[in-house]
């Protein structure tokens, strides 16, 4: 079953690029929300209590940073 994956990113974040590449390698579709270009996304991220990126939401579960073991666990990989 497909998971609902959202990733909060910025233009200058190397870990964001790594996380997106990893999801693409695994064939996981995701919605990207760039906090530098989307003020609504920035507010959403801050409302969750985060100031840094990447933050992934996988079926509503938060993953802060490129935490590969946690990402794999939540995606069932």
Protein backbone atom coordinates (compact mmCIF):
# COMPACT_ATOMS: atom_id res chain seq x y z
CA UNK A 1 0.00 0.00 0.00
CA UNK A 2 1.32 3.44 -0.93
CA UNK A 3 2.35 5.68 1.91
CA UNK A 4 1.56 9.38 2.12
CA UNK A 5 4.99 11.04 2.14
CA UNK A 6 5.64 14.77 2.50
CA UNK A 7 9.16 16.19 2.70
CA UNK A 8 9.91 19.73 3.86
CA UNK A 9 13.03 21.07 2.14
CA UNK A 10 15.03 24.20 1.38
CA UNK A 11 17.14 25.19 -1.62
CA UNK A 12 20.47 24.98 0.22
CA UNK A 13 20.03 21.75 2.22
CA UNK A 14 22.30 18.87 1.12
CA UNK A 15 20.45 16.39 3.37
CA UNK A 16 17.20 17.33 1.62
CA UNK A 17 18.75 16.37 -1.72
CA UNK A 18 19.99 13.09 -0.24
CA UNK A 19 16.56 12.30 1.22
CA UNK A 20 14.78 13.04 -2.07
CA UNK A 21 17.28 10.95 -4.04
CA UNK A 22 16.82 8.07 -1.58
CA UNK A 23 13.03 8.16 -1.93
CA UNK A 24 13.35 8.25 -5.72
CA UNK A 25 15.77 5.26 -5.68
CA UNK A 26 13.22 3.31 -3.65
CA UNK A 27 10.37 4.28 -5.99
CA UNK A 28 8.54 6.22 -3.28
CA UNK A 29 6.39 9.09 -4.51
CA UNK A 30 6.34 12.16 -2.29
CA UNK A 31 5.14 15.72 -2.07
CA UNK A 32 7.90 18.30 -1.63
CA UNK A 33 7.24 21.47 0.34
CA UNK A 34 10.07 23.97 -0.04
CA UNK A 35 10.06 26.31 2.96
CA UNK A 36 12.11 28.94 1.13
CA UNK A 37 9.62 29.24 -1.70
CA UNK A 38 6.35 28.44 0.11
CA UNK A 39 5.48 30.56 3.15
CA UNK A 40 2.56 28.27 4.01
CA UNK A 41 4.94 25.30 4.14
CA UNK A 42 7.32 27.28 6.36
CA UNK A 43 4.46 28.06 8.76
CA UNK A 44 3.36 24.39 8.78
CA UNK A 45 6.90 23.31 9.68
CA UNK A 46 7.22 25.91 12.44
CA UNK A 47 3.79 24.96 13.81
CA UNK A 48 5.12 21.39 14.17
CA UNK A 49 7.94 22.84 16.26
CA UNK A 50 10.74 22.48 13.70
CA UNK A 51 13.13 25.10 12.41
CA UNK A 52 15.39 22.90 10.27
CA UNK A 53 14.99 20.62 7.29
CA UNK A 54 14.58 17.99 6.06
CA UNK A 55 11.50 16.89 7.94
CA UNK A 56 9.56 14.00 6.46
CA UNK A 57 5.98 13.09 7.27
CA UNK A 58 5.28 9.45 6.46
CA UNK A 59 1.60 8.68 7.04
CA UNK A 60 1.63 11.47 9.63
CA UNK A 61 4.75 10.23 11.48
CA UNK A 62 7.53 12.84 11.68
CA UNK A 63 11.13 12.02 10.77
CA UNK A 64 13.60 14.81 11.50
CA UNK A 65 16.68 14.81 9.29
CA UNK A 66 17.76 12.06 6.92
CA UNK A 67 17.23 9.23 9.42
CA UNK A 68 17.46 6.31 7.01
CA UNK A 69 16.62 3.52 9.53
CA UNK A 70 13.49 5.38 10.67
CA UNK A 71 12.48 6.17 7.09
CA UNK A 72 12.90 2.50 6.11
CA UNK A 73 10.91 1.40 9.16
CA UNK A 74 7.98 3.72 8.41
CA UNK A 75 8.00 2.84 4.70
CA UNK A 76 8.22 -0.89 5.43
CA UNK A 77 11.47 -1.30 3.48
